[in-house]
Amino acid sequence: MYDTLLLQLESGMSRLETEVKKWQDEILSNETKLHTLAQKSALMDVWQRRAEAELKVGQQLQYSMATNFSNLFHLLSALRESEPV
């Protein structure tokens, strides 16, 4: 009688241990996925900030080039007007 109960309890314990192991493995897998996604998200944030900074530099350069071109155009116009015909 006690031997039968002991075998039933050991069998139940074995099933529970197997199920616990399965859940632990699933949790570990999900934690790994979460960590990977967090790292990818952080990397995407860095890339986005870098792209925004490059766009800002490009806009500043474009403005600077337009200003320089405009200044050069006015200088050439002034020189033409001052040349004797």
C-alpha atoms as a PDB file:
ATOM      1  CA  MET A   1       0.000   0.000   0.000  1.00  0.00           C
ATOM      2  CA  TYR A   2       2.705   2.515   0.949  1.00  0.00           C
ATOM      3  CA  ASP A   3       4.852   1.326  -1.949  1.00  0.00           C
ATOM      4  CA  THR A   4       2.019   1.999  -4.412  1.00  0.00           C
ATOM      5  CA  LEU A   5       1.447   5.472  -2.948  1.00  0.00           C
ATOM      6  CA  LEU A   6       5.194   6.176  -3.093  1.00  0.00           C
ATOM      7  CA  LEU A   7       5.335   5.152  -6.770  1.00  0.00           C
ATOM      8  CA  GLN A   8       2.326   7.341  -7.586  1.00  0.00           C
ATOM      9  CA  LEU A   9       3.858  10.314  -5.784  1.00  0.00           C
ATOM     10  CA  GLU A  10       7.237   9.818  -7.485  1.00  0.00           C
ATOM     11  CA  SER A  11       5.519   9.572 -10.867  1.00  0.00           C
ATOM     12  CA  GLY A  12       3.543  12.731 -10.179  1.00  0.00           C
ATOM     13  CA  MET A  13       6.715  14.480  -9.015  1.00  0.00           C
ATOM     14  CA  SER A  14       8.517  13.421 -12.189  1.00  0.00           C
ATOM     15  CA  ARG A  15       5.702  14.792 -14.360  1.00  0.00           C
ATOM     16  CA  LEU A  16       5.726  18.069 -12.440  1.00  0.00           C
ATOM     17  CA  GLU A  17       9.512  18.364 -12.728  1.00  0.00           C
ATOM     18  CA  THR A  18       9.254  17.784 -16.477  1.00  0.00           C
ATOM     19  CA  GLU A  19       6.583  20.467 -16.786  1.00  0.00           C
ATOM     20  CA  VAL A  20       8.588  22.911 -14.652  1.00  0.00           C
ATOM     21  CA  LYS A  21      11.653  22.307 -16.833  1.00  0.00           C
ATOM     22  CA  LYS A  22       9.555  22.955 -19.957  1.00  0.00           C
ATOM     23  CA  TRP A  23       8.291  26.265 -18.523  1.00  0.00           C
ATOM     24  CA  GLN A  24      11.789  27.280 -17.433  1.00  0.00           C
ATOM     25  CA  ASP A  25      13.088  26.626 -20.945  1.00  0.00           C
ATOM     26  CA  GLU A  26      10.258  28.668 -22.460  1.00  0.00           C
ATOM     27  CA  ILE A  27      10.908  31.549 -20.052  1.00  0.00           C
ATOM     28  CA  LEU A  28      14.617  31.501 -20.880  1.00  0.00           C
ATOM     29  CA  SER A  29      13.821  31.513 -24.593  1.00  0.00           C
ATOM     30  CA  ASN A  30      11.453  34.470 -24.182  1.00  0.00           C
ATOM     31  CA  GLU A  31      13.978  36.365 -22.056  1.00  0.00           C
ATOM     32  CA  THR A  32      16.584  35.823 -24.771  1.00  0.00           C
ATOM     33  CA  LYS A  33      14.181  37.101 -27.431  1.00  0.00           C
ATOM     34  CA  LEU A  34      13.329  40.123 -25.271  1.00  0.00           C
ATOM     35  CA  HIS A  35      17.022  40.917 -24.752  1.00  0.00           C
ATOM     36  CA  THR A  36      17.692  40.599 -28.502  1.00  0.00           C
ATOM     37  CA  LEU A  37      14.757  42.887 -29.343  1.00  0.00           C
ATOM     38  CA  ALA A  38      15.877  45.443 -26.765  1.00  0.00           C
ATOM     39  CA  GLN A  39      19.389  45.468 -28.265  1.00  0.00           C
ATOM     40  CA  LYS A  40      17.998  45.849 -31.793  1.00  0.00           C
ATOM     41  CA  SER A  41      15.723  48.666 -30.631  1.00  0.00           C
ATOM     42  CA  ALA A  42      18.654  50.481 -29.003  1.00  0.00           C
ATOM     43  CA  LEU A  43      20.696  50.067 -32.184  1.00  0.00           C
ATOM     44  CA  MET A  44      17.832  51.429 -34.297  1.00  0.00           C
ATOM     45  CA  ASP A  45      17.633  54.461 -31.983  1.00  0.00           C
ATOM     46  CA  VAL A  46      21.349  55.118 -32.511  1.00  0.00           C
ATOM     47  CA  TRP A  47      20.957  54.782 -36.287  1.00  0.00           C
ATOM     48  CA  GLN A  48      17.974  57.135 -36.265  1.00  0.00           C
ATOM     49  CA  ARG A  49      19.861  59.795 -34.262  1.00  0.00           C
ATOM     50  CA  ARG A  50      22.840  59.448 -36.613  1.00  0.00           C
ATOM     51  CA  ALA A  51      20.607  59.824 -39.690  1.00  0.00           C
ATOM     52  CA  GLU A  52      18.919  62.891 -38.177  1.00  0.00           C
ATOM     53  CA  ALA A  53      22.328  64.432 -37.421  1.00  0.00           C
ATOM     54  CA  GLU A  54      23.510  63.735 -40.973  1.00  0.00           C
ATOM     55  CA  LEU A  55      20.344  65.316 -42.395  1.00  0.00           C
ATOM     56  CA  LYS A  56      20.894  68.377 -40.236  1.00  0.00           C
ATOM     57  CA  VAL A  57      24.506  68.680 -41.435  1.00  0.00           C
ATOM     58  CA  GLY A  58      23.336  68.219 -45.028  1.00  0.00           C
ATOM     59  CA  GLN A  59      20.733  70.960 -44.640  1.00  0.00           C
ATOM     60  CA  GLN A  60      23.305  73.296 -43.112  1.00  0.00           C
ATOM     61  CA  LEU A  61      25.729  72.546 -45.938  1.00  0.00           C
ATOM     62  CA  GLN A  62      23.017  73.102 -48.536  1.00  0.00           C
ATOM     63  CA  TYR A  63      22.120  76.449 -46.946  1.00  0.00           C
ATOM     64  CA  SER A  64      25.787  77.430 -46.773  1.00  0.00           C
ATOM     65  CA  MET A  65      26.359  76.518 -50.427  1.00  0.00           C
ATOM     66  CA  ALA A  66      23.257  78.458 -51.499  1.00  0.00           C
ATOM     67  CA  THR A  67      24.423  81.492 -49.518  1.00  0.00           C
ATOM     68  CA  ASN A  68      27.916  81.269 -51.004  1.00  0.00           C
ATOM     69  CA  PHE A  69      26.503  80.935 -54.521  1.00  0.00           C
ATOM     70  CA  SER A  70      24.235  83.923 -53.955  1.00  0.00           C
ATOM     71  CA  ASN A  71      27.155  85.987 -52.622  1.00  0.00           C
ATOM     72  CA  LEU A  72      29.309  84.979 -55.593  1.00  0.00           C
ATOM     73  CA  PHE A  73      26.535  85.893 -58.021  1.00  0.00           C
ATOM     74  CA  HIS A  74      26.156  89.353 -56.425  1.00  0.00           C
ATOM     75  CA  LEU A  75      29.932  89.859 -56.466  1.00  0.00           C
ATOM     76  CA  LEU A  76      30.154  88.929 -60.155  1.00  0.00           C
ATOM     77  CA  SER A  77      27.218  91.215 -60.948  1.00  0.00           C
ATOM     78  CA  ALA A  78      28.895  94.084 -59.118  1.00  0.00           C
ATOM     79  CA  LEU A  79      32.156  93.445 -60.963  1.00  0.00           C
ATOM     80  CA  ARG A  80      30.378  93.462 -64.322  1.00  0.00           C
ATOM     81  CA  GLU A  81      28.673  96.730 -63.501  1.00  0.00           C
ATOM     82  CA  SER A  82      31.971  98.348 -62.488  1.00  0.00           C
ATOM     83  CA  GLU A  83      33.856  97.270 -65.656  1.00  0.00           C
ATOM     84  CA  PRO A  84      34.205  99.920 -68.290  1.00  0.00           C
ATOM     85  CA  VAL A  85      32.432  99.079 -71.516  1.00  0.00           C
END
